[in-house]
């Protein structure tokens, strides 16, 4: 029987690969998608942790995805239901005080005023500045990578704010926070979103841009407001898979790619699976990270030595432990004694008492040691979604930093559970009932994230999203196309511009570049 040939083959059925496949098929291309796991989703997947407890194994909220992608694809009609979070987040402190950041700006500022009336008065100016910087970024997300100069030129603001804009892009999240605010508690809140998933501390250069990156999202219709998805994050990728199949995409699971095929002219010609089967295609789109794509899947002889060196230099070591918990009861926060406990659980939760607390944790991990007091970003989806846990019980995601890929003492296999115990213990300092209410748990250190999701270094963004690895330096300097040195091989994952989070923009952009190539060929035929 003759081998079937496709216009495009997509490696990896994570959200970016699915977005790319949907657009390609919608343009009339014959598409085959290959996923090594037994289910689609990549890191955006819902799985059962214990009977009745469903968790987002990897990613945990929908934040940065442009709504236009789901609009284009009709994905909202396939099961994506956003659940608003009120408040946006809650931050308890060791002294028993807390900040509840409500969606109502006046209520939120009243919370800030508990620590500093000056900070509350400065909030609107800060929020306006971040909004204008985010708008400068908006025009570049659904297009090929811009240069830093293009982005900088798009910022519209008073001349005296230009230096502050430069600080936001090249400086630290702490410098930005401390420019506007004085209280250590609120400065920590502002800086915290500048370190998520990043192996830098809040005082390190580049985290200002990470802060901006995490502030850009408008998927909920409100800038910076993140949302849960009913049924957890697998609902997003399942919806995209439905769209893909309706458009004719052939999705094959348990189909691991061993090698990208390159023909005699140096062009990608398909892939070989670990079973030895060849899948031929006119172009290949890789949702794998740049290192896995160019240093493992592509033949070494097909990748120029200078390009290999640039890819090898990508900063891609993760500082993250992802922990999923099943709890028998809702956390009871000491800081909310005598108040409605649900306000501590129905949004996000930051354990970040001060900027220096987070910086110390990072510095410990740089020395190869797990953070003594970790930064925790906690999400209790079951507080607003009754589909993910049995009645009265709860499913929780904990995103913890800082933890090195290679431990200075012992191995992850030896220390995984000890590290998990320490994370739960830290959570218990603020909600004392938590350690005794754990029904089941899952601890995924950086090597586990690498093994489970195919993420080199365990990095959730397929490489740091710091300024020197963004714009036309993503994945490597000089990247103005999603096609690298091998003709017909395109990156479509988070390792390409604009980067990580459940965004879909890299998949969208890579697909549109491929579609334009096919149209050009058709027009010239």
Protein backbone atom coordinates (compact mmCIF):
# COMPACT_ATOMS: atom_id res chain seq x y z
CA UNK A 1 0.00 0.00 0.00
CA UNK A 2 1.35 3.43 -0.94
CA UNK A 3 2.55 5.62 1.90
CA UNK A 4 0.20 8.48 2.69
CA UNK A 5 1.69 11.96 2.28
CA UNK A 6 0.57 15.13 4.04
CA UNK A 7 1.01 18.82 3.39
CA UNK A 8 2.09 19.30 7.00
CA UNK A 9 2.97 17.17 9.99
CA UNK A 10 2.82 18.70 13.48
CA UNK A 11 5.00 17.27 16.25
CA UNK A 12 3.21 17.48 19.59
CA UNK A 13 -0.48 17.98 20.40
CA UNK A 14 -0.06 20.64 23.05
CA UNK A 15 -2.13 23.79 22.76
CA UNK A 16 0.23 25.54 20.32
CA UNK A 17 0.46 22.49 18.07
CA UNK A 18 -3.31 22.17 18.09
CA UNK A 19 -3.79 25.84 17.25
CA UNK A 20 -1.34 25.52 14.36
CA UNK A 21 -3.04 22.38 13.06
CA UNK A 22 -6.47 24.03 13.20
CA UNK A 23 -5.34 27.01 11.14
CA UNK A 24 -3.46 24.86 8.64
CA UNK A 25 -6.41 22.56 8.08
CA UNK A 26 -8.75 25.54 7.89
CA UNK A 27 -6.64 26.82 5.00
CA UNK A 28 -7.15 23.56 3.14
CA UNK A 29 -3.92 21.76 4.02
CA UNK A 30 -3.83 18.05 4.74
CA UNK A 31 -2.46 17.79 8.28
CA UNK A 32 -1.23 14.95 10.49
CA UNK A 33 -0.56 15.60 14.17
CA UNK A 34 1.65 13.25 16.18
CA UNK A 35 1.55 13.13 19.99
CA UNK A 36 3.83 10.86 22.02
CA UNK A 37 1.43 10.70 25.02
CA UNK A 38 -1.77 8.67 24.98
CA UNK A 39 -3.89 11.85 25.07
CA UNK A 40 -3.68 15.29 23.51
CA UNK A 41 -2.97 18.35 25.59
CA UNK A 42 0.72 18.49 26.39
CA UNK A 43 1.10 20.48 29.60
CA UNK A 44 -2.48 21.78 29.27
CA UNK A 45 -4.20 18.58 30.29
CA UNK A 46 -6.72 17.44 32.90
CA UNK A 47 -5.99 14.17 34.72
CA UNK A 48 -7.34 12.37 37.77
CA UNK A 49 -5.07 12.62 40.79
CA UNK A 50 -7.29 10.41 42.99
CA UNK A 51 -10.84 9.11 42.49
CA UNK A 52 -13.05 12.15 41.88
CA UNK A 53 -10.17 14.66 41.96
CA UNK A 54 -9.26 16.25 38.62
CA UNK A 55 -6.21 18.47 38.32
CA UNK A 56 -4.44 20.51 35.68
CA UNK A 57 -1.29 18.40 35.77
CA UNK A 58 0.88 21.10 34.21
CA UNK A 59 -0.51 24.53 33.34
CA UNK A 60 -3.25 25.71 35.68
CA UNK A 61 -4.93 28.93 34.45
CA UNK A 62 -5.83 30.60 31.17
CA UNK A 63 -4.19 33.99 31.09
CA UNK A 64 -2.39 35.21 27.96
CA UNK A 65 -4.28 33.58 25.09
CA UNK A 66 -5.63 36.23 22.68
CA UNK A 67 -9.41 35.86 22.54
CA UNK A 68 -9.25 36.29 18.76
CA UNK A 69 -7.65 32.85 18.37
CA UNK A 70 -10.57 31.09 20.04
CA UNK A 71 -12.96 33.35 18.12
CA UNK A 72 -11.34 32.45 14.79
CA UNK A 73 -11.45 28.74 15.51
CA UNK A 74 -14.90 28.60 17.12
CA UNK A 75 -13.30 26.98 20.16
CA UNK A 76 -15.66 28.64 22.64
CA UNK A 77 -18.45 26.44 21.27
CA UNK A 78 -16.45 23.27 21.91
CA UNK A 79 -16.33 23.42 25.70
CA UNK A 80 -14.16 26.33 26.84
CA UNK A 81 -16.00 27.99 29.73
CA UNK A 82 -14.10 30.62 31.67
CA UNK A 83 -14.71 30.88 35.40
CA UNK A 84 -14.10 34.36 36.83
CA UNK A 85 -11.94 34.62 39.93
CA UNK A 86 -13.06 36.93 42.73
CA UNK A 87 -10.84 38.14 44.21
CA UNK A 88 -8.02 38.06 41.67
CA UNK A 89 -5.62 36.94 44.37
CA UNK A 90 -5.04 36.75 48.11
CA UNK A 91 -1.72 37.28 49.92
CA UNK A 92 -1.36 36.30 53.57
CA UNK A 93 1.63 37.41 55.62
CA UNK A 94 3.44 35.79 58.56
CA UNK A 95 2.23 38.50 60.98
CA UNK A 96 -1.41 37.53 60.35
CA UNK A 97 -2.25 40.40 58.02
CA UNK A 98 -3.24 39.96 54.39
CA UNK A 99 -4.12 41.67 51.12
CA UNK A 100 -7.20 40.60 49.20
CA UNK A 101 -6.97 42.05 45.70
CA UNK A 102 -10.58 42.40 44.54
CA UNK A 103 -11.62 43.00 40.94
CA UNK A 104 -13.22 46.27 42.05
CA UNK A 105 -10.29 48.75 41.96
CA UNK A 106 -11.59 50.78 44.90
CA UNK A 107 -11.88 47.71 47.13
CA UNK A 108 -8.43 46.61 45.98
CA UNK A 109 -6.90 49.99 46.80
CA UNK A 110 -8.52 49.89 50.24
CA UNK A 111 -6.63 46.64 50.87
CA UNK A 112 -3.34 48.23 49.76
CA UNK A 113 -4.05 51.18 52.06
CA UNK A 114 -3.93 48.83 55.04
CA UNK A 115 -0.17 48.80 54.49
CA UNK A 116 0.40 52.22 52.90
CA UNK A 117 -1.99 55.02 51.97
CA UNK A 118 0.75 56.36 49.69
CA UNK A 119 0.82 53.05 47.80
CA UNK A 120 -2.95 53.06 47.43
CA UNK A 121 -2.81 56.59 46.00
CA UNK A 122 -0.02 55.58 43.57
CA UNK A 123 -1.83 52.52 42.25
CA UNK A 124 -3.75 54.18 39.41
CA UNK A 125 -0.59 55.79 38.01
CA UNK A 126 1.21 52.44 38.13
CA UNK A 127 -1.73 50.60 36.57
CA UNK A 128 -1.97 53.14 33.75
CA UNK A 129 1.74 52.82 33.02
CA UNK A 130 1.62 49.02 32.83
CA UNK A 131 -1.48 49.22 30.63
CA UNK A 132 0.28 51.49 28.14
CA UNK A 133 3.33 49.24 28.08
CA UNK A 134 1.08 46.21 27.53
CA UNK A 135 -0.71 47.97 24.68
CA UNK A 136 2.68 48.59 23.08
CA UNK A 137 3.17 44.82 23.15
CA UNK A 138 -0.32 43.95 21.91
CA UNK A 139 0.36 44.85 18.30
CA UNK A 140 3.30 42.44 18.10
CA UNK A 141 1.83 39.25 19.58
CA UNK A 142 0.03 37.84 16.53
CA UNK A 143 2.79 38.45 14.00
CA UNK A 144 6.43 37.45 13.41
CA UNK A 145 8.94 38.54 16.00
CA UNK A 146 9.71 42.25 16.12
CA UNK A 147 13.02 43.81 17.07
CA UNK A 148 13.36 45.40 20.50
CA UNK A 149 13.64 48.76 18.74
CA UNK A 150 10.24 48.26 17.07
CA UNK A 151 8.59 47.49 20.38
CA UNK A 152 10.26 50.38 22.17
CA UNK A 153 9.15 52.79 19.45
CA UNK A 154 5.53 51.70 19.99
CA UNK A 155 5.45 52.89 23.59
CA UNK A 156 3.38 56.07 23.87
CA UNK A 157 3.82 58.04 27.06
CA UNK A 158 5.33 61.19 28.54
CA UNK A 159 8.99 61.72 27.71
CA UNK A 160 9.97 61.45 31.37
CA UNK A 161 8.50 57.95 31.49
CA UNK A 162 10.74 56.61 28.72
CA UNK A 163 13.49 55.73 31.18
CA UNK A 164 10.91 53.89 33.27
CA UNK A 165 9.80 52.00 30.16
CA UNK A 166 13.42 50.93 29.63
CA UNK A 167 13.51 49.77 33.24
CA UNK A 168 10.37 47.71 32.70
CA UNK A 169 11.94 45.96 29.72
CA UNK A 170 15.53 45.58 30.89
CA UNK A 171 15.49 46.11 34.64
CA UNK A 172 14.16 44.14 37.59
CA UNK A 173 10.63 43.59 38.82
CA UNK A 174 11.72 44.86 42.24
CA UNK A 175 13.04 48.12 40.80
CA UNK A 176 9.72 48.67 39.04
CA UNK A 177 7.71 47.92 42.19
CA UNK A 178 9.88 50.12 44.39
CA UNK A 179 9.70 52.99 41.93
CA UNK A 180 5.96 53.27 42.53
CA UNK A 181 5.44 51.82 46.01
CA UNK A 182 6.94 51.77 49.52
CA UNK A 183 5.44 48.92 51.58
CA UNK A 184 7.43 45.69 51.42
CA UNK A 185 4.25 43.62 51.30
CA UNK A 186 2.73 45.36 48.29
CA UNK A 187 6.10 45.60 46.52
CA UNK A 188 6.35 41.82 46.88
CA UNK A 189 2.92 41.36 45.30
CA UNK A 190 3.84 43.58 42.35
CA UNK A 191 7.21 41.89 41.84
CA UNK A 192 5.93 38.32 42.23
CA UNK A 193 4.55 38.07 38.70
CA UNK A 194 8.03 38.97 37.44
CA UNK A 195 9.51 35.68 38.60
CA UNK A 196 6.88 33.10 37.65
CA UNK A 197 8.61 30.20 35.90
CA UNK A 198 11.86 32.18 35.76
CA UNK A 199 15.22 31.24 37.26
CA UNK A 200 15.93 34.79 38.35
CA UNK A 201 15.07 36.62 41.51
CA UNK A 202 12.94 39.77 41.63
CA UNK A 203 16.07 41.93 41.96
CA UNK A 204 17.71 40.43 38.88
CA UNK A 205 17.70 42.28 35.53
CA UNK A 206 15.15 41.03 33.02
CA UNK A 207 12.40 40.28 35.51
CA UNK A 208 10.76 43.61 34.72
CA UNK A 209 9.94 42.22 31.30
CA UNK A 210 8.67 38.96 32.83
CA UNK A 211 6.38 41.13 34.94
CA UNK A 212 5.06 42.90 31.85
CA UNK A 213 4.66 39.61 29.98
CA UNK A 214 2.44 38.19 32.70
CA UNK A 215 0.41 41.42 32.78
CA UNK A 216 -0.56 41.40 29.09
CA UNK A 217 -3.39 38.90 29.01
CA UNK A 218 -6.89 39.91 27.98
CA UNK A 219 -8.53 36.50 27.53
CA UNK A 220 -11.14 37.38 30.17
CA UNK A 221 -11.80 40.74 28.57
CA UNK A 222 -9.98 42.51 31.39
CA UNK A 223 -6.25 43.16 31.26
CA UNK A 224 -4.22 40.93 33.54
CA UNK A 225 -7.18 38.99 34.94
CA UNK A 226 -6.55 35.26 34.75
CA UNK A 227 -9.30 32.65 34.65
CA UNK A 228 -9.92 29.03 35.45
CA UNK A 229 -11.49 26.86 32.77
CA UNK A 230 -14.35 24.63 33.89
CA UNK A 231 -13.06 21.07 34.03
CA UNK A 232 -9.45 22.30 34.33
CA UNK A 233 -6.98 23.08 31.56
CA UNK A 234 -7.60 19.94 29.54
CA UNK A 235 -10.88 21.51 28.49
CA UNK A 236 -8.90 23.99 26.36
CA UNK A 237 -6.92 21.39 24.45
CA UNK A 238 -9.88 19.02 24.13
CA UNK A 239 -11.86 21.86 22.56
CA UNK A 240 -9.02 22.61 20.14
CA UNK A 241 -8.76 18.92 19.28
CA UNK A 242 -12.48 18.87 18.42
CA UNK A 243 -11.98 21.85 16.11
CA UNK A 244 -8.96 20.18 14.51
CA UNK A 245 -10.78 16.92 13.83
CA UNK A 246 -13.77 18.75 12.39
CA UNK A 247 -11.39 20.48 10.00
CA UNK A 248 -9.93 17.16 8.92
CA UNK A 249 -6.74 16.94 10.99
CA UNK A 250 -5.58 13.38 11.59
CA UNK A 251 -4.51 13.22 15.25
CA UNK A 252 -2.42 10.23 16.27
CA UNK A 253 -1.61 9.67 19.94
CA UNK A 254 1.02 7.28 21.35
CA UNK A 255 3.03 8.25 18.27
CA UNK A 256 6.46 9.46 19.35
CA UNK A 257 8.74 11.13 16.83
CA UNK A 258 12.30 9.82 16.80
CA UNK A 259 13.77 11.96 14.02
CA UNK A 260 12.92 14.70 11.58
CA UNK A 261 13.57 13.59 8.02
CA UNK A 262 15.69 15.88 5.85
CA UNK A 263 15.97 15.27 2.10
CA UNK A 264 19.00 15.64 -0.14
CA UNK A 265 18.26 19.32 -0.69
CA UNK A 266 18.42 20.01 3.04
CA UNK A 267 14.66 20.41 3.47
CA UNK A 268 12.40 18.79 6.06
CA UNK A 269 10.48 15.97 4.43
CA UNK A 270 8.57 14.42 7.32
CA UNK A 271 9.41 12.42 10.42
CA UNK A 272 10.32 8.93 11.56
CA UNK A 273 8.48 7.51 14.58
CA UNK A 274 10.10 5.41 17.29
CA UNK A 275 8.35 2.43 15.69
CA UNK A 276 10.33 3.02 12.50
CA UNK A 277 7.32 4.28 10.54
CA UNK A 278 7.90 7.26 8.27
CA UNK A 279 5.33 10.03 7.94
CA UNK A 280 6.08 12.19 4.89
CA UNK A 281 5.02 15.82 4.56
CA UNK A 282 5.82 18.99 2.67
CA UNK A 283 6.56 20.86 5.91
CA UNK A 284 7.13 19.94 9.55
CA UNK A 285 5.98 22.08 12.48
CA UNK A 286 7.55 21.27 15.83
CA UNK A 287 5.76 22.08 19.06
CA UNK A 288 8.79 20.67 20.89
CA UNK A 289 11.24 23.13 22.43
CA UNK A 290 14.15 24.46 20.34
CA UNK A 291 16.77 22.27 21.99
CA UNK A 292 14.75 19.10 21.57
CA UNK A 293 13.91 20.05 17.99
CA UNK A 294 17.35 21.06 16.72
CA UNK A 295 19.71 19.12 19.00
CA UNK A 296 17.80 15.83 19.29
CA UNK A 297 15.17 15.38 16.57
CA UNK A 298 16.92 17.04 13.63
CA UNK A 299 19.92 15.24 12.14
CA UNK A 300 23.11 16.90 13.39
CA UNK A 301 24.47 17.09 9.84
CA UNK A 302 21.47 19.23 8.79
CA UNK A 303 21.93 21.94 11.44
CA UNK A 304 24.82 24.38 10.90
CA UNK A 305 27.37 24.36 13.72
CA UNK A 306 26.85 28.04 14.56
CA UNK A 307 23.09 27.53 14.86
CA UNK A 308 23.59 24.47 17.07
CA UNK A 309 25.81 26.57 19.32
CA UNK A 310 23.17 29.30 19.60
CA UNK A 311 20.48 26.74 20.45
CA UNK A 312 22.74 25.08 23.02
CA UNK A 313 23.17 28.48 24.71
CA UNK A 314 19.42 29.01 25.29
CA UNK A 315 18.70 29.51 29.00
CA UNK A 316 16.25 26.71 29.72
CA UNK A 317 16.83 25.40 33.26
CA UNK A 318 13.63 25.42 35.31
CA UNK A 319 13.31 26.59 38.93
CA UNK A 320 9.84 25.10 39.31
CA UNK A 321 8.13 22.35 41.26
CA UNK A 322 4.53 21.75 40.21
CA UNK A 323 2.55 20.09 42.99
CA UNK A 324 -1.03 18.90 42.76
CA UNK A 325 -3.01 18.16 45.92
CA UNK A 326 -6.31 16.53 46.78
CA UNK A 327 -7.63 17.93 50.07
CA UNK A 328 -10.45 16.73 52.30
CA UNK A 329 -11.43 20.31 53.21
CA UNK A 330 -10.97 23.94 52.22
CA UNK A 331 -7.84 25.64 53.59
CA UNK A 332 -8.53 27.77 56.65
CA UNK A 333 -6.24 30.79 56.70
CA UNK A 334 -5.09 32.27 59.98
CA UNK A 335 -5.20 35.72 58.38
CA UNK A 336 -8.92 35.28 57.64
CA UNK A 337 -10.01 34.08 61.08
CA UNK A 338 -13.51 35.42 61.68
CA UNK A 339 -13.93 36.33 58.00
CA UNK A 340 -15.18 34.50 54.91
CA UNK A 341 -12.49 31.88 54.31
CA UNK A 342 -13.47 31.50 50.67
CA UNK A 343 -11.93 34.84 49.77
CA UNK A 344 -8.55 33.18 50.33
CA UNK A 345 -9.36 30.36 47.94
CA UNK A 346 -11.51 31.62 45.06
CA UNK A 347 -8.71 33.52 43.31
CA UNK A 348 -4.98 32.94 43.15
CA UNK A 349 -2.83 32.84 46.26
CA UNK A 350 0.70 34.22 46.62
CA UNK A 351 3.04 33.20 49.42
CA UNK A 352 5.59 35.98 48.91
CA UNK A 353 6.04 38.05 52.10
CA UNK A 354 8.75 40.34 50.70
CA UNK A 355 11.01 40.93 47.72
CA UNK A 356 14.02 39.78 49.72
CA UNK A 357 12.19 36.59 50.72
CA UNK A 358 11.88 35.67 47.03
CA UNK A 359 15.43 36.75 46.18
CA UNK A 360 16.85 34.62 49.00
CA UNK A 361 14.92 31.59 47.73
CA UNK A 362 16.36 32.13 44.25
CA UNK A 363 19.91 32.53 45.53
CA UNK A 364 19.62 29.27 47.48
CA UNK A 365 18.54 27.41 44.35
CA UNK A 366 21.44 28.89 42.36
CA UNK A 367 23.67 27.14 44.84
CA UNK A 368 21.94 23.85 44.13
CA UNK A 369 19.71 23.85 47.21
CA UNK A 370 15.90 23.76 47.46
CA UNK A 371 14.52 27.03 48.80
CA UNK A 372 14.19 26.97 52.57
CA UNK A 373 11.11 29.19 52.31
CA UNK A 374 9.72 28.85 48.77
CA UNK A 375 7.68 31.28 46.75
CA UNK A 376 4.27 29.65 46.26
CA UNK A 377 1.62 30.48 43.67
CA UNK A 378 -1.42 28.44 44.71
CA UNK A 379 -4.64 27.86 42.79
CA UNK A 380 -7.70 26.27 44.39
CA UNK A 381 -9.87 25.74 41.34
CA UNK A 382 -12.40 23.57 43.16
CA UNK A 383 -13.45 26.61 45.19
CA UNK A 384 -15.18 27.91 42.03
CA UNK A 385 -15.52 24.73 39.93
CA UNK A 386 -17.60 21.87 41.34
CA UNK A 387 -16.56 19.49 38.54
CA UNK A 388 -12.98 18.90 39.71
CA UNK A 389 -13.43 17.46 43.22
CA UNK A 390 -16.01 15.53 45.27
CA UNK A 391 -18.47 17.68 47.17
CA UNK A 392 -16.84 19.36 50.15
CA UNK A 393 -13.35 18.37 49.05
CA UNK A 394 -10.80 20.26 46.98
CA UNK A 395 -8.22 20.00 44.20
CA UNK A 396 -5.27 22.39 44.37
CA UNK A 397 -2.34 23.31 42.13
CA UNK A 398 0.82 24.67 43.74
CA UNK A 399 3.46 26.32 41.60
CA UNK A 400 6.58 26.49 43.76
CA UNK A 401 9.97 28.14 43.34
CA UNK A 402 12.96 27.88 43.64
CA UNK A 403 14.30 24.39 42.98
CA UNK A 404 17.34 23.53 40.84
CA UNK A 405 17.25 20.89 38.12
CA UNK A 406 20.44 19.37 39.57
CA UNK A 407 20.52 19.25 43.37
CA UNK A 408 23.82 19.89 45.14
CA UNK A 409 22.99 17.09 47.57
CA UNK A 410 21.17 13.92 46.58
CA UNK A 411 18.91 13.33 43.60
CA UNK A 412 15.31 14.17 42.82
CA UNK A 413 14.38 10.50 43.15
CA UNK A 414 15.85 10.55 46.67
CA UNK A 415 14.48 13.93 47.75
CA UNK A 416 11.23 14.46 45.82
CA UNK A 417 8.90 13.57 48.69
CA UNK A 418 10.96 15.48 51.24
CA UNK A 419 10.73 18.57 49.03
CA UNK A 420 6.99 18.00 48.66
CA UNK A 421 6.67 17.79 52.45
CA UNK A 422 8.46 21.11 52.79
CA UNK A 423 6.11 22.82 50.32
CA UNK A 424 3.04 21.57 52.19
CA UNK A 425 4.62 22.63 55.46
CA UNK A 426 5.15 26.17 54.10
CA UNK A 427 1.53 26.33 52.96
CA UNK A 428 0.55 25.14 56.44
CA UNK A 429 2.21 28.15 58.05
CA UNK A 430 -0.66 30.21 56.61
CA UNK A 431 -3.43 27.59 56.58
CA UNK A 432 -2.64 25.19 59.45
CA UNK A 433 -5.28 22.62 58.53
CA UNK A 434 -3.73 21.87 55.11
CA UNK A 435 -0.99 19.33 56.05
CA UNK A 436 -3.51 17.13 57.85
CA UNK A 437 -6.10 17.28 55.06
CA UNK A 438 -4.00 15.94 52.16
CA UNK A 439 -5.73 12.95 50.55
CA UNK A 440 -3.31 12.54 47.64
CA UNK A 441 -0.52 14.49 46.02
CA UNK A 442 1.74 14.65 43.00
CA UNK A 443 5.19 16.28 43.10
CA UNK A 444 6.81 17.19 39.77
CA UNK A 445 10.32 18.62 40.01
CA UNK A 446 12.18 20.01 37.00
CA UNK A 447 13.43 16.58 35.83
CA UNK A 448 9.89 15.22 36.20
CA UNK A 449 8.43 18.05 34.12
CA UNK A 450 11.07 17.29 31.50
CA UNK A 451 10.26 13.58 31.44
CA UNK A 452 6.49 13.97 31.58
CA UNK A 453 6.01 16.81 29.09
CA UNK A 454 9.17 16.67 27.00
CA UNK A 455 10.30 20.09 28.28
CA UNK A 456 14.08 20.39 28.19
CA UNK A 457 15.31 21.43 31.62
CA UNK A 458 11.73 21.16 32.86
CA UNK A 459 11.18 24.74 31.68
CA UNK A 460 7.48 25.53 31.36
CA UNK A 461 8.11 28.28 28.79
CA UNK A 462 10.52 26.20 26.65
CA UNK A 463 13.22 28.71 27.62
CA UNK A 464 13.38 31.85 29.75
CA UNK A 465 11.20 34.73 28.57
CA UNK A 466 13.78 37.31 29.64
CA UNK A 467 14.57 40.19 27.22
CA UNK A 468 17.71 38.65 25.72
CA UNK A 469 15.60 35.65 24.68
CA UNK A 470 12.61 37.55 23.39
CA UNK A 471 11.63 39.52 20.27
CA UNK A 472 13.82 38.48 17.30
CA UNK A 473 16.13 36.65 19.70
CA UNK A 474 13.54 33.92 20.29
CA UNK A 475 14.60 31.18 19.93
CA UNK A 476 18.03 32.60 18.92
CA UNK A 477 19.29 36.01 17.81
CA UNK A 478 18.24 36.88 14.28
CA UNK A 479 14.99 34.88 14.33
CA UNK A 480 12.66 36.79 12.01
CA UNK A 481 10.91 33.63 10.81
CA UNK A 482 9.47 30.54 12.48
CA UNK A 483 11.54 28.58 9.95
CA UNK A 484 15.12 27.98 11.07
CA UNK A 485 18.13 26.79 9.07
CA UNK A 486 16.38 23.65 7.80
CA UNK A 487 13.96 24.65 5.05
CA UNK A 488 10.41 23.51 5.73
CA UNK A 489 10.97 23.01 9.48
CA UNK A 490 9.06 25.51 11.61
CA UNK A 491 8.91 25.96 15.38
CA UNK A 492 5.33 26.46 16.55
CA UNK A 493 5.72 26.07 20.32
CA UNK A 494 6.49 28.30 23.29
CA UNK A 495 10.20 28.35 22.41
CA UNK A 496 9.30 30.62 19.48
CA UNK A 497 8.01 34.21 19.64
CA UNK A 498 6.24 35.42 21.70
CA UNK A 499 6.82 32.63 24.22
CA UNK A 500 5.17 30.59 26.92
CA UNK A 501 2.00 30.40 29.00
CA UNK A 502 -1.13 28.90 27.45
CA UNK A 503 -1.18 31.50 24.72
CA UNK A 504 -1.50 29.89 21.30
CA UNK A 505 0.23 32.81 19.58
CA UNK A 506 3.32 30.84 18.47
CA UNK A 507 1.07 28.20 16.91
CA UNK A 508 -1.06 30.88 15.24
CA UNK A 509 1.94 32.76 13.86
CA UNK A 510 3.85 29.73 12.61
CA UNK A 511 0.74 28.38 10.88
CA UNK A 512 0.11 31.67 9.11
CA UNK A 513 3.70 31.76 7.88
CA UNK A 514 3.32 28.24 6.49
CA UNK A 515 -0.04 29.07 4.90
CA UNK A 516 1.49 32.10 3.19
CA UNK A 517 4.27 29.89 1.78
CA UNK A 518 1.77 27.44 0.35
CA UNK A 519 -0.25 30.26 -1.18
CA UNK A 520 2.88 31.74 -2.74
CA UNK A 521 3.78 28.38 -4.25
CA UNK A 522 0.24 27.94 -5.56
CA UNK A 523 0.23 31.42 -7.06
CA UNK A 524 3.50 30.80 -8.89
CA UNK A 525 2.53 27.35 -10.17
